[in-house]
Amino acid sequence: QLQLVESGGGLVQPGGSLRLSCATSGSTLEDYATGWFRQAPGKEREAVACISSSGRSTNYADSVKGRFTISRDNAKNTVSLQMNSLKPEDTAVYYCNALSHTARAYWGQGTQVTVSS
């Protein structure tokens, strides 16, 4: 069974950058499409970015286009999210997600990102 562990969250000032990482184990990552979601207090979880199993196709929420970049390294079983030009509204718990060919979803435990001066 696939397991996901996020890291890299923290406190950053507006305009700053963070890089989130998701380490996976228990299964071959190249069998899964992956993505990053976030959930702010009092709000529903929303998709931020996703990347196909091959890494050739990506999609982003309009709110992060041009600022965030998702990538993956299937050889190292990792998925990353580079976040630049961070805004206070990016504050949330960020979750790594993997989706199998049978539409089974796997989630990490989340990592807190706080953007504040």
PDB file of N, CA and C in Angstrom:
ATOM      1  N   GLN A   1       0.843  -1.194   0.000  1.00  0.00           N
ATOM      2  CA  GLN A   1       0.000   0.000   0.000  1.00  0.00           C
ATOM      3  C   GLN A   1       0.877   1.243   0.000  1.00  0.00           C
ATOM      4  N   LEU A   2       0.491   2.196  -0.822  1.00  0.00           N
ATOM      5  CA  LEU A   2       1.285   3.412  -0.942  1.00  0.00           C
ATOM      6  C   LEU A   2       1.167   4.254   0.322  1.00  0.00           C
ATOM      7  N   GLN A   3       2.312   4.755   0.780  1.00  0.00           N
ATOM      8  CA  GLN A   3       2.342   5.678   1.905  1.00  0.00           C
ATOM      9  C   GLN A   3       3.018   6.963   1.475  1.00  0.00           C
ATOM     10  N   LEU A   4       2.517   8.092   1.986  1.00  0.00           N
ATOM     11  CA  LEU A   4       3.035   9.403   1.605  1.00  0.00           C
ATOM     12  C   LEU A   4       3.365  10.204   2.859  1.00  0.00           C
ATOM     13  N   VAL A   5       4.512  10.871   2.838  1.00  0.00           N
ATOM     14  CA  VAL A   5       4.931  11.703   3.952  1.00  0.00           C
ATOM     15  C   VAL A   5       5.402  13.042   3.414  1.00  0.00           C
ATOM     16  N   GLU A   6       4.712  14.113   3.837  1.00  0.00           N
ATOM     17  CA  GLU A   6       5.075  15.457   3.387  1.00  0.00           C
ATOM     18  C   GLU A   6       6.094  16.080   4.331  1.00  0.00           C
ATOM     19  N   SER A   7       6.851  17.006   3.785  1.00  0.00           N
ATOM     20  CA  SER A   7       7.794  17.798   4.581  1.00  0.00           C
ATOM     21  C   SER A   7       8.029  19.131   3.870  1.00  0.00           C
ATOM     22  N   GLY A   8       8.630  20.067   4.593  1.00  0.00           N
ATOM     23  CA  GLY A   8       9.021  21.324   3.982  1.00  0.00           C
ATOM     24  C   GLY A   8       8.144  22.508   4.328  1.00  0.00           C
ATOM     25  N   GLY A   9       7.072  22.279   5.072  1.00  0.00           N
ATOM     26  CA  GLY A   9       6.233  23.398   5.457  1.00  0.00           C
ATOM     27  C   GLY A   9       6.901  24.279   6.492  1.00  0.00           C
ATOM     28  N   GLY A  10       6.271  25.411   6.781  1.00  0.00           N
ATOM     29  CA  GLY A  10       6.824  26.313   7.781  1.00  0.00           C
ATOM     30  C   GLY A  10       6.224  27.691   7.685  1.00  0.00           C
ATOM     31  N   LEU A  11       6.877  28.634   8.354  1.00  0.00           N
ATOM     32  CA  LEU A  11       6.453  30.029   8.367  1.00  0.00           C
ATOM     33  C   LEU A  11       7.327  30.820   7.406  1.00  0.00           C
ATOM     34  N   VAL A  12       6.705  31.579   6.539  1.00  0.00           N
ATOM     35  CA  VAL A  12       7.440  32.378   5.566  1.00  0.00           C
ATOM     36  C   VAL A  12       6.751  33.727   5.411  1.00  0.00           C
ATOM     37  N   GLN A  13       7.519  34.750   5.104  1.00  0.00           N
ATOM     38  CA  GLN A  13       6.955  36.079   4.893  1.00  0.00           C
ATOM     39  C   GLN A  13       6.317  36.177   3.511  1.00  0.00           C
ATOM     40  N   PRO A  14       5.357  37.065   3.367  1.00  0.00           N
ATOM     41  CA  PRO A  14       4.771  37.281   2.026  1.00  0.00           C
ATOM     42  C   PRO A  14       5.855  37.585   1.005  1.00  0.00           C
ATOM     43  N   GLY A  15       5.723  36.982  -0.161  1.00  0.00           N
ATOM     44  CA  GLY A  15       6.721  37.131  -1.202  1.00  0.00           C
ATOM     45  C   GLY A  15       7.826  36.089  -1.156  1.00  0.00           C
ATOM     46  N   GLY A  16       7.856  35.330  -0.094  1.00  0.00           N
ATOM     47  CA  GLY A  16       8.896  34.322   0.063  1.00  0.00           C
ATOM     48  C   GLY A  16       8.574  33.031  -0.664  1.00  0.00           C
ATOM     49  N   SER A  17       9.457  32.054  -0.474  1.00  0.00           N
ATOM     50  CA  SER A  17       9.335  30.768  -1.163  1.00  0.00           C
ATOM     51  C   SER A  17       9.459  29.612  -0.188  1.00  0.00           C
ATOM     52  N   LEU A  18       8.827  28.519  -0.545  1.00  0.00           N
ATOM     53  CA  LEU A  18       8.972  27.256   0.174  1.00  0.00           C
ATOM     54  C   LEU A  18       8.928  26.131  -0.851  1.00  0.00           C
ATOM     55  N   ARG A  19       9.571  25.045  -0.505  1.00  0.00           N
ATOM     56  CA  ARG A  19       9.512  23.850  -1.345  1.00  0.00           C
ATOM     57  C   ARG A  19       8.999  22.700  -0.500  1.00  0.00           C
ATOM     58  N   LEU A  20       7.863  22.166  -0.892  1.00  0.00           N
ATOM     59  CA  LEU A  20       7.296  21.009  -0.212  1.00  0.00           C
ATOM     60  C   LEU A  20       7.739  19.732  -0.914  1.00  0.00           C
ATOM     61  N   SER A  21       7.985  18.721  -0.124  1.00  0.00           N
ATOM     62  CA  SER A  21       8.353  17.423  -0.670  1.00  0.00           C
ATOM     63  C   SER A  21       7.419  16.349  -0.145  1.00  0.00           C
ATOM     64  N   CYS A  22       7.199  15.352  -0.963  1.00  0.00           N
ATOM     65  CA  CYS A  22       6.361  14.214  -0.582  1.00  0.00           C
ATOM     66  C   CYS A  22       7.147  12.948  -0.897  1.00  0.00           C
ATOM     67  N   ALA A  23       7.526  12.247   0.134  1.00  0.00           N
ATOM     68  CA  ALA A  23       8.245  10.990  -0.027  1.00  0.00           C
ATOM     69  C   ALA A  23       7.245   9.843   0.005  1.00  0.00           C
ATOM     70  N   THR A  24       7.337   8.962  -0.971  1.00  0.00           N
ATOM     71  CA  THR A  24       6.388   7.853  -1.042  1.00  0.00           C
ATOM     72  C   THR A  24       7.111   6.525  -0.861  1.00  0.00           C
ATOM     73  N   SER A  25       6.368   5.534  -0.417  1.00  0.00           N
ATOM     74  CA  SER A  25       6.922   4.200  -0.225  1.00  0.00           C
ATOM     75  C   SER A  25       5.789   3.188  -0.279  1.00  0.00           C
ATOM     76  N   GLY A  26       6.163   1.933  -0.426  1.00  0.00           N
ATOM     77  CA  GLY A  26       5.175   0.863  -0.397  1.00  0.00           C
ATOM     78  C   GLY A  26       4.654   0.449  -1.753  1.00  0.00           C
ATOM     79  N   SER A  27       4.902   1.250  -2.771  1.00  0.00           N
ATOM     80  CA  SER A  27       4.440   0.911  -4.109  1.00  0.00           C
ATOM     81  C   SER A  27       5.216   1.752  -5.114  1.00  0.00           C
ATOM     82  N   THR A  28       5.105   1.413  -6.372  1.00  0.00           N
ATOM     83  CA  THR A  28       5.831   2.125  -7.417  1.00  0.00           C
ATOM     84  C   THR A  28       5.111   3.423  -7.760  1.00  0.00           C
ATOM     85  N   LEU A  29       5.779   4.555  -7.546  1.00  0.00           N
ATOM     86  CA  LEU A  29       5.125   5.843  -7.737  1.00  0.00           C
ATOM     87  C   LEU A  29       4.673   6.054  -9.178  1.00  0.00           C
ATOM     88  N   GLU A  30       5.373   5.501 -10.136  1.00  0.00           N
ATOM     89  CA  GLU A  30       5.031   5.756 -11.534  1.00  0.00           C
ATOM     90  C   GLU A  30       3.672   5.178 -11.920  1.00  0.00           C
ATOM     91  N   ASP A  31       3.068   4.386 -11.036  1.00  0.00           N
ATOM     92  CA  ASP A  31       1.735   3.847 -11.285  1.00  0.00           C
ATOM     93  C   ASP A  31       0.628   4.819 -10.885  1.00  0.00           C
ATOM     94  N   TYR A  32       1.007   5.986 -10.334  1.00  0.00           N
ATOM     95  CA  TYR A  32       0.020   6.908  -9.768  1.00  0.00           C
ATOM     96  C   TYR A  32       0.152   8.306 -10.355  1.00  0.00           C
ATOM     97  N   ALA A  33      -0.992   8.936 -10.621  1.00  0.00           N
ATOM     98  CA  ALA A  33      -1.009  10.382 -10.799  1.00  0.00           C
ATOM     99  C   ALA A  33      -0.914  10.983  -9.400  1.00  0.00           C
ATOM    100  N   THR A  34      -0.283  12.131  -9.295  1.00  0.00           N
ATOM    101  CA  THR A  34      -0.099  12.726  -7.971  1.00  0.00           C
ATOM    102  C   THR A  34      -0.458  14.204  -7.993  1.00  0.00           C
ATOM    103  N   GLY A  35      -0.691  14.725  -6.809  1.00  0.00           N
ATOM    104  CA  GLY A  35      -1.045  16.135  -6.727  1.00  0.00           C
ATOM    105  C   GLY A  35      -0.880  16.675  -5.327  1.00  0.00           C
ATOM    106  N   TRP A  36      -1.054  17.974  -5.232  1.00  0.00           N
ATOM    107  CA  TRP A  36      -1.048  18.665  -3.945  1.00  0.00           C
ATOM    108  C   TRP A  36      -2.395  19.348  -3.740  1.00  0.00           C
ATOM    109  N   PHE A  37      -2.921  19.203  -2.543  1.00  0.00           N
ATOM    110  CA  PHE A  37      -4.162  19.851  -2.135  1.00  0.00           C
ATOM    111  C   PHE A  37      -3.852  20.703  -0.911  1.00  0.00           C
ATOM    112  N   ARG A  38      -4.750  21.605  -0.581  1.00  0.00           N
ATOM    113  CA  ARG A  38      -4.585  22.387   0.634  1.00  0.00           C
ATOM    114  C   ARG A  38      -5.942  22.650   1.274  1.00  0.00           C
ATOM    115  N   GLN A  39      -5.885  22.869   2.577  1.00  0.00           N
ATOM    116  CA  GLN A  39      -7.098  23.167   3.324  1.00  0.00           C
ATOM    117  C   GLN A  39      -6.804  24.245   4.345  1.00  0.00           C
ATOM    118  N   ALA A  40      -7.462  25.369   4.172  1.00  0.00           N
ATOM    119  CA  ALA A  40      -7.332  26.475   5.108  1.00  0.00           C
ATOM    120  C   ALA A  40      -8.407  26.344   6.191  1.00  0.00           C
ATOM    121  N   PRO A  41      -8.207  26.955   7.349  1.00  0.00           N
ATOM    122  CA  PRO A  41      -9.203  26.861   8.423  1.00  0.00           C
ATOM    123  C   PRO A  41     -10.574  27.326   7.966  1.00  0.00           C
ATOM    124  N   GLY A  42     -11.582  26.500   8.211  1.00  0.00           N
ATOM    125  CA  GLY A  42     -12.941  26.862   7.859  1.00  0.00           C
ATOM    126  C   GLY A  42     -13.292  26.710   6.399  1.00  0.00           C
ATOM    127  N   LYS A  43     -12.350  26.188   5.619  1.00  0.00           N
ATOM    128  CA  LYS A  43     -12.595  26.031   4.192  1.00  0.00           C
ATOM    129  C   LYS A  43     -12.469  24.568   3.783  1.00  0.00           C
ATOM    130  N   GLU A  44     -13.012  24.243   2.620  1.00  0.00           N
ATOM    131  CA  GLU A  44     -12.914  22.894   2.097  1.00  0.00           C
ATOM    132  C   GLU A  44     -11.526  22.668   1.492  1.00  0.00           C
ATOM    133  N   ARG A  45     -11.135  21.408   1.456  1.00  0.00           N
ATOM    134  CA  ARG A  45      -9.877  21.063   0.812  1.00  0.00           C
ATOM    135  C   ARG A  45      -9.993  21.341  -0.684  1.00  0.00           C
ATOM    136  N   GLU A  46      -8.944  21.946  -1.241  1.00  0.00           N
ATOM    137  CA  GLU A  46      -8.973  22.289  -2.658  1.00  0.00           C
ATOM    138  C   GLU A  46      -7.715  21.782  -3.356  1.00  0.00           C
ATOM    139  N   ALA A  47      -7.854  21.477  -4.628  1.00  0.00           N
ATOM    140  CA  ALA A  47      -6.708  21.043  -5.422  1.00  0.00           C
ATOM    141  C   ALA A  47      -5.837  22.242  -5.761  1.00  0.00           C
ATOM    142  N   VAL A  48      -4.544  22.062  -5.643  1.00  0.00           N
ATOM    143  CA  VAL A  48      -3.580  23.113  -5.951  1.00  0.00           C
ATOM    144  C   VAL A  48      -2.871  22.821  -7.266  1.00  0.00           C
ATOM    145  N   ALA A  49      -2.361  21.615  -7.402  1.00  0.00           N
ATOM    146  CA  ALA A  49      -1.618  21.243  -8.601  1.00  0.00           C
ATOM    147  C   ALA A  49      -1.621  19.731  -8.729  1.00  0.00           C
ATOM    148  N   CYS A  50      -1.552  19.246  -9.958  1.00  0.00           N
ATOM    149  CA  CYS A  50      -1.469  17.812 -10.177  1.00  0.00           C
ATOM    150  C   CYS A  50      -0.533  17.526 -11.335  1.00  0.00           C
ATOM    151  N   ILE A  51      -0.018  16.313 -11.340  1.00  0.00           N
ATOM    152  CA  ILE A  51       0.929  15.911 -12.370  1.00  0.00           C
ATOM    153  C   ILE A  51       0.648  14.468 -12.739  1.00  0.00           C
ATOM    154  N   SER A  52       0.729  14.175 -14.022  1.00  0.00           N
ATOM    155  CA  SER A  52       0.427  12.827 -14.494  1.00  0.00           C
ATOM    156  C   SER A  52       1.498  11.837 -14.038  1.00  0.00           C
ATOM    157  N   SER A  53       1.205  10.565 -14.187  1.00  0.00           N
ATOM    158  CA  SER A  53       2.122   9.536 -13.723  1.00  0.00           C
ATOM    159  C   SER A  53       3.478   9.615 -14.419  1.00  0.00           C
ATOM    160  N   SER A  54       3.473  10.047 -15.677  1.00  0.00           N
ATOM    161  CA  SER A  54       4.727  10.172 -16.429  1.00  0.00           C
ATOM    162  C   SER A  54       5.452  11.476 -16.138  1.00  0.00           C
ATOM    163  N   GLY A  55       4.703  12.449 -15.607  1.00  0.00           N
ATOM    164  CA  GLY A  55       5.278  13.767 -15.361  1.00  0.00           C
ATOM    165  C   GLY A  55       5.161  14.708 -16.540  1.00  0.00           C
ATOM    166  N   ARG A  56       4.569  14.257 -17.627  1.00  0.00           N
ATOM    167  CA  ARG A  56       4.516  15.078 -18.834  1.00  0.00           C
ATOM    168  C   ARG A  56       3.379  16.088 -18.824  1.00  0.00           C
ATOM    169  N   SER A  57       2.389  15.871 -17.966  1.00  0.00           N
ATOM    170  CA  SER A  57       1.222  16.757 -17.945  1.00  0.00           C
ATOM    171  C   SER A  57       1.001  17.301 -16.550  1.00  0.00           C
ATOM    172  N   THR A  58       0.781  18.613 -16.455  1.00  0.00           N
ATOM    173  CA  THR A  58       0.524  19.260 -15.173  1.00  0.00           C
ATOM    174  C   THR A  58      -0.697  20.172 -15.288  1.00  0.00           C
ATOM    175  N   ASN A  59      -1.323  20.412 -14.158  1.00  0.00           N
ATOM    176  CA  ASN A  59      -2.436  21.355 -14.075  1.00  0.00           C
ATOM    177  C   ASN A  59      -2.348  22.091 -12.755  1.00  0.00           C
ATOM    178  N   TYR A  60      -2.803  23.343 -12.782  1.00  0.00           N
ATOM    179  CA  TYR A  60      -2.730  24.187 -11.600  1.00  0.00           C
ATOM    180  C   TYR A  60      -4.042  24.917 -11.357  1.00  0.00           C
ATOM    181  N   ALA A  61      -4.330  25.161 -10.090  1.00  0.00           N
ATOM    182  CA  ALA A  61      -5.439  26.036  -9.758  1.00  0.00           C
ATOM    183  C   ALA A  61      -5.104  27.445 -10.246  1.00  0.00           C
ATOM    184  N   ASP A  62      -6.114  28.182 -10.660  1.00  0.00           N
ATOM    185  CA  ASP A  62      -5.880  29.531 -11.171  1.00  0.00           C
ATOM    186  C   ASP A  62      -5.161  30.401 -10.144  1.00  0.00           C
ATOM    187  N   SER A  63      -5.441  30.170  -8.883  1.00  0.00           N
ATOM    188  CA  SER A  63      -4.883  31.007  -7.820  1.00  0.00           C
ATOM    189  C   SER A  63      -3.372  30.843  -7.654  1.00  0.00           C
ATOM    190  N   VAL A  64      -2.796  29.760  -8.200  1.00  0.00           N
ATOM    191  CA  VAL A  64      -1.362  29.532  -8.010  1.00  0.00           C
ATOM    192  C   VAL A  64      -0.595  29.496  -9.325  1.00  0.00           C
ATOM    193  N   LYS A  65      -1.271  29.616 -10.439  1.00  0.00           N
ATOM    194  CA  LYS A  65      -0.590  29.573 -11.733  1.00  0.00           C
ATOM    195  C   LYS A  65       0.483  30.652 -11.818  1.00  0.00           C
ATOM    196  N   GLY A  66       1.634  30.259 -12.308  1.00  0.00           N
ATOM    197  CA  GLY A  66       2.742  31.202 -12.433  1.00  0.00           C
ATOM    198  C   GLY A  66       3.556  31.371 -11.168  1.00  0.00           C
ATOM    199  N   ARG A  67       3.070  30.830 -10.048  1.00  0.00           N
ATOM    200  CA  ARG A  67       3.800  30.956  -8.783  1.00  0.00           C
ATOM    201  C   ARG A  67       4.267  29.596  -8.253  1.00  0.00           C
ATOM    202  N   PHE A  68       3.475  28.563  -8.486  1.00  0.00           N
ATOM    203  CA  PHE A  68       3.783  27.223  -7.976  1.00  0.00           C
ATOM    204  C   PHE A  68       4.182  26.313  -9.136  1.00  0.00           C
ATOM    205  N   THR A  69       5.075  25.377  -8.846  1.00  0.00           N
ATOM    206  CA  THR A  69       5.483  24.386  -9.830  1.00  0.00           C
ATOM    207  C   THR A  69       5.511  23.010  -9.187  1.00  0.00           C
ATOM    208  N   ILE A  70       4.780  22.081  -9.782  1.00  0.00           N
ATOM    209  CA  ILE A  70       4.784  20.709  -9.295  1.00  0.00           C
ATOM    210  C   ILE A  70       5.739  19.881 -10.143  1.00  0.00           C
ATOM    211  N   SER A  71       6.425  18.949  -9.498  1.00  0.00           N
ATOM    212  CA  SER A  71       7.344  18.077 -10.221  1.00  0.00           C
ATOM    213  C   SER A  71       7.388  16.726  -9.507  1.00  0.00           C
ATOM    214  N   ARG A  72       7.948  15.761 -10.190  1.00  0.00           N
ATOM    215  CA  ARG A  72       8.063  14.439  -9.581  1.00  0.00           C
ATOM    216  C   ARG A  72       9.317  13.757 -10.092  1.00  0.00           C
ATOM    217  N   ASP A  73       9.837  12.860  -9.286  1.00  0.00           N
ATOM    218  CA  ASP A  73      10.990  12.051  -9.645  1.00  0.00           C
ATOM    219  C   ASP A  73      10.608  10.610  -9.356  1.00  0.00           C
ATOM    220  N   ASN A  74      10.197   9.898 -10.383  1.00  0.00           N
ATOM    221  CA  ASN A  74       9.732   8.522 -10.173  1.00  0.00           C
ATOM    222  C   ASN A  74      10.850   7.597  -9.702  1.00  0.00           C
ATOM    223  N   ALA A  75      12.071   7.899 -10.100  1.00  0.00           N
ATOM    224  CA  ALA A  75      13.197   7.067  -9.662  1.00  0.00           C
ATOM    225  C   ALA A  75      13.430   7.203  -8.162  1.00  0.00           C
ATOM    226  N   LYS A  76      13.156   8.389  -7.632  1.00  0.00           N
ATOM    227  CA  LYS A  76      13.347   8.625  -6.198  1.00  0.00           C
ATOM    228  C   LYS A  76      12.033   8.544  -5.417  1.00  0.00           C
ATOM    229  N   ASN A  77      10.936   8.280  -6.128  1.00  0.00           N
ATOM    230  CA  ASN A  77       9.617   8.174  -5.485  1.00  0.00           C
ATOM    231  C   ASN A  77       9.256   9.427  -4.690  1.00  0.00           C
ATOM    232  N   THR A  78       9.470  10.570  -5.298  1.00  0.00           N
ATOM    233  CA  THR A  78       9.160  11.825  -4.629  1.00  0.00           C
ATOM    234  C   THR A  78       8.333  12.742  -5.532  1.00  0.00           C
ATOM    235  N   VAL A  79       7.558  13.573  -4.887  1.00  0.00           N
ATOM    236  CA  VAL A  79       6.777  14.605  -5.561  1.00  0.00           C
ATOM    237  C   VAL A  79       7.068  15.914  -4.833  1.00  0.00           C
ATOM    238  N   SER A  80       7.240  16.984  -5.574  1.00  0.00           N
ATOM    239  CA  SER A  80       7.601  18.267  -4.967  1.00  0.00           C
ATOM    240  C   SER A  80       6.658  19.370  -5.423  1.00  0.00           C
ATOM    241  N   LEU A  81       6.584  20.402  -4.614  1.00  0.00           N
ATOM    242  CA  LEU A  81       5.822  21.593  -4.964  1.00  0.00           C
ATOM    243  C   LEU A  81       6.667  22.797  -4.602  1.00  0.00           C
ATOM    244  N   GLN A  82       7.161  23.488  -5.618  1.00  0.00           N
ATOM    245  CA  GLN A  82       7.918  24.722  -5.412  1.00  0.00           C
ATOM    246  C   GLN A  82       6.934  25.872  -5.382  1.00  0.00           C
ATOM    247  N   MET A  83       6.938  26.608  -4.286  1.00  0.00           N
ATOM    248  CA  MET A  83       5.990  27.706  -4.111  1.00  0.00           C
ATOM    249  C   MET A  83       6.747  29.015  -3.994  1.00  0.00           C
ATOM    250  N   ASN A  84       6.529  29.906  -4.943  1.00  0.00           N
ATOM    251  CA  ASN A  84       7.173  31.212  -4.964  1.00  0.00           C
ATOM    252  C   ASN A  84       6.135  32.311  -4.813  1.00  0.00           C
ATOM    253  N   SER A  85       6.603  33.495  -4.497  1.00  0.00           N
ATOM    254  CA  SER A  85       5.724  34.675  -4.367  1.00  0.00           C
ATOM    255  C   SER A  85       4.526  34.354  -3.476  1.00  0.00           C
ATOM    256  N   LEU A  86       4.799  33.762  -2.342  1.00  0.00           N
ATOM    257  CA  LEU A  86       3.725  33.326  -1.454  1.00  0.00           C
ATOM    258  C   LEU A  86       2.923  34.500  -0.909  1.00  0.00           C
ATOM    259  N   LYS A  87       1.639  34.237  -0.745  1.00  0.00           N
ATOM    260  CA  LYS A  87       0.703  35.244  -0.255  1.00  0.00           C
ATOM    261  C   LYS A  87       0.058  34.747   1.044  1.00  0.00           C
ATOM    262  N   PRO A  88      -0.443  35.647   1.873  1.00  0.00           N
ATOM    263  CA  PRO A  88      -1.125  35.200   3.097  1.00  0.00           C
ATOM    264  C   PRO A  88      -2.258  34.215   2.818  1.00  0.00           C
ATOM    265  N   GLU A  89      -2.921  34.380   1.690  1.00  0.00           N
ATOM    266  CA  GLU A  89      -4.028  33.472   1.361  1.00  0.00           C
ATOM    267  C   GLU A  89      -3.569  32.071   0.963  1.00  0.00           C
ATOM    268  N   ASP A  90      -2.272  31.875   0.852  1.00  0.00           N
ATOM    269  CA  ASP A  90      -1.738  30.533   0.616  1.00  0.00           C
ATOM    270  C   ASP A  90      -1.606  29.743   1.920  1.00  0.00           C
ATOM    271  N   THR A  91      -1.837  30.402   3.033  1.00  0.00           N
ATOM    272  CA  THR A  91      -1.748  29.728   4.326  1.00  0.00           C
ATOM    273  C   THR A  91      -2.765  28.597   4.415  1.00  0.00           C
ATOM    274  N   ALA A  92      -2.269  27.401   4.720  1.00  0.00           N
ATOM    275  CA  ALA A  92      -3.131  26.219   4.771  1.00  0.00           C
ATOM    276  C   ALA A  92      -2.292  25.010   5.171  1.00  0.00           C
ATOM    277  N   VAL A  93      -2.974  23.917   5.429  1.00  0.00           N
ATOM    278  CA  VAL A  93      -2.298  22.626   5.524  1.00  0.00           C
ATOM    279  C   VAL A  93      -2.265  22.043   4.118  1.00  0.00           C
ATOM    280  N   TYR A  94      -1.078  21.660   3.684  1.00  0.00           N
ATOM    281  CA  TYR A  94      -0.895  21.125   2.343  1.00  0.00           C
ATOM    282  C   TYR A  94      -0.755  19.607   2.412  1.00  0.00           C
ATOM    283  N   TYR A  95      -1.496  18.937   1.541  1.00  0.00           N
ATOM    284  CA  TYR A  95      -1.530  17.485   1.517  1.00  0.00           C
ATOM    285  C   TYR A  95      -1.047  16.951   0.172  1.00  0.00           C
ATOM    286  N   CYS A  96      -0.250  15.928   0.233  1.00  0.00           N
ATOM    287  CA  CYS A  96       0.162  15.198  -0.963  1.00  0.00           C
ATOM    288  C   CYS A  96      -0.879  14.116  -1.238  1.00  0.00           C
ATOM    289  N   ASN A  97      -1.169  13.917  -2.503  1.00  0.00           N
ATOM    290  CA  ASN A  97      -2.189  12.951  -2.912  1.00  0.00           C
ATOM    291  C   ASN A  97      -1.670  12.092  -4.053  1.00  0.00           C
ATOM    292  N   ALA A  98      -2.072  10.832  -4.050  1.00  0.00           N
ATOM    293  CA  ALA A  98      -1.754   9.939  -5.167  1.00  0.00           C
ATOM    294  C   ALA A  98      -3.026   9.202  -5.563  1.00  0.00           C
ATOM    295  N   LEU A  99      -3.228   9.060  -6.860  1.00  0.00           N
ATOM    296  CA  LEU A  99      -4.434   8.427  -7.391  1.00  0.00           C
ATOM    297  C   LEU A  99      -4.043   7.257  -8.286  1.00  0.00           C
ATOM    298  N   SER A 100      -4.554   6.081  -7.938  1.00  0.00           N
ATOM    299  CA  SER A 100      -4.216   4.889  -8.714  1.00  0.00           C
ATOM    300  C   SER A 100      -5.060   4.804  -9.986  1.00  0.00           C
ATOM    301  N   HIS A 101      -4.721   3.842 -10.855  1.00  0.00           N
ATOM    302  CA  HIS A 101      -5.498   3.631 -12.076  1.00  0.00           C
ATOM    303  C   HIS A 101      -6.919   3.174 -11.777  1.00  0.00           C
ATOM    304  N   THR A 102      -7.139   2.638 -10.583  1.00  0.00           N
ATOM    305  CA  THR A 102      -8.482   2.216 -10.180  1.00  0.00           C
ATOM    306  C   THR A 102      -9.198   3.294  -9.383  1.00  0.00           C
ATOM    307  N   ALA A 103      -8.644   4.500  -9.405  1.00  0.00           N
ATOM    308  CA  ALA A 103      -9.262   5.663  -8.745  1.00  0.00           C
ATOM    309  C   ALA A 103      -9.230   5.575  -7.221  1.00  0.00           C
ATOM    310  N   ARG A 104      -8.319   4.795  -6.680  1.00  0.00           N
ATOM    311  CA  ARG A 104      -8.139   4.786  -5.229  1.00  0.00           C
ATOM    312  C   ARG A 104      -7.185   5.909  -4.863  1.00  0.00           C
ATOM    313  N   ALA A 105      -7.576   6.690  -3.858  1.00  0.00           N
ATOM    314  CA  ALA A 105      -6.789   7.855  -3.454  1.00  0.00           C
ATOM    315  C   ALA A 105      -6.029   7.572  -2.164  1.00  0.00           C
ATOM    316  N   TYR A 106      -4.813   8.088  -2.129  1.00  0.00           N
ATOM    317  CA  TYR A 106      -3.969   7.985  -0.950  1.00  0.00           C
ATOM    318  C   TYR A 106      -3.561   9.396  -0.530  1.00  0.00           C
ATOM    319  N   TRP A 107      -3.438   9.606   0.774  1.00  0.00           N
ATOM    320  CA  TRP A 107      -3.134  10.932   1.304  1.00  0.00           C
ATOM    321  C   TRP A 107      -2.014  10.869   2.327  1.00  0.00           C
ATOM    322  N   GLY A 108      -1.250  11.953   2.364  1.00  0.00           N
ATOM    323  CA  GLY A 108      -0.281  12.123   3.429  1.00  0.00           C
ATOM    324  C   GLY A 108      -0.946  12.765   4.628  1.00  0.00           C
ATOM    325  N   GLN A 109      -0.151  13.015   5.667  1.00  0.00           N
ATOM    326  CA  GLN A 109      -0.698  13.570   6.909  1.00  0.00           C
ATOM    327  C   GLN A 109      -0.798  15.093   6.876  1.00  0.00           C
ATOM    328  N   GLY A 110      -0.163  15.711   5.906  1.00  0.00           N
ATOM    329  CA  GLY A 110      -0.242  17.157   5.756  1.00  0.00           C
ATOM    330  C   GLY A 110       0.936  17.882   6.378  1.00  0.00           C
ATOM    331  N   THR A 111       1.230  19.054   5.838  1.00  0.00           N
ATOM    332  CA  THR A 111       2.269  19.922   6.388  1.00  0.00           C
ATOM    333  C   THR A 111       1.754  21.361   6.367  1.00  0.00           C
ATOM    334  N   GLN A 112       1.988  22.063   7.471  1.00  0.00           N
ATOM    335  CA  GLN A 112       1.437  23.414   7.622  1.00  0.00           C
ATOM    336  C   GLN A 112       2.313  24.434   6.901  1.00  0.00           C
ATOM    337  N   VAL A 113       1.674  25.284   6.121  1.00  0.00           N
ATOM    338  CA  VAL A 113       2.336  26.427   5.491  1.00  0.00           C
ATOM    339  C   VAL A 113       1.645  27.693   6.001  1.00  0.00           C
ATOM    340  N   THR A 114       2.429  28.579   6.590  1.00  0.00           N
ATOM    341  CA  THR A 114       1.893  29.834   7.105  1.00  0.00           C
ATOM    342  C   THR A 114       2.646  30.986   6.464  1.00  0.00           C
ATOM    343  N   VAL A 115       1.909  31.864   5.809  1.00  0.00           N
ATOM    344  CA  VAL A 115       2.504  33.032   5.156  1.00  0.00           C
ATOM    345  C   VAL A 115       2.064  34.259   5.935  1.00  0.00           C
ATOM    346  N   SER A 116       3.004  34.869   6.626  1.00  0.00           N
ATOM    347  CA  SER A 116       2.668  35.997   7.498  1.00  0.00           C
ATOM    348  C   SER A 116       3.906  36.829   7.765  1.00  0.00           C
ATOM    349  N   SER A 117       3.677  38.122   7.928  1.00  0.00           N
ATOM    350  CA  SER A 117       4.784  39.006   8.289  1.00  0.00           C
ATOM    351  C   SER A 117       4.865  39.164   9.800  1.00  0.00           C
TER     352      SER A 117
END
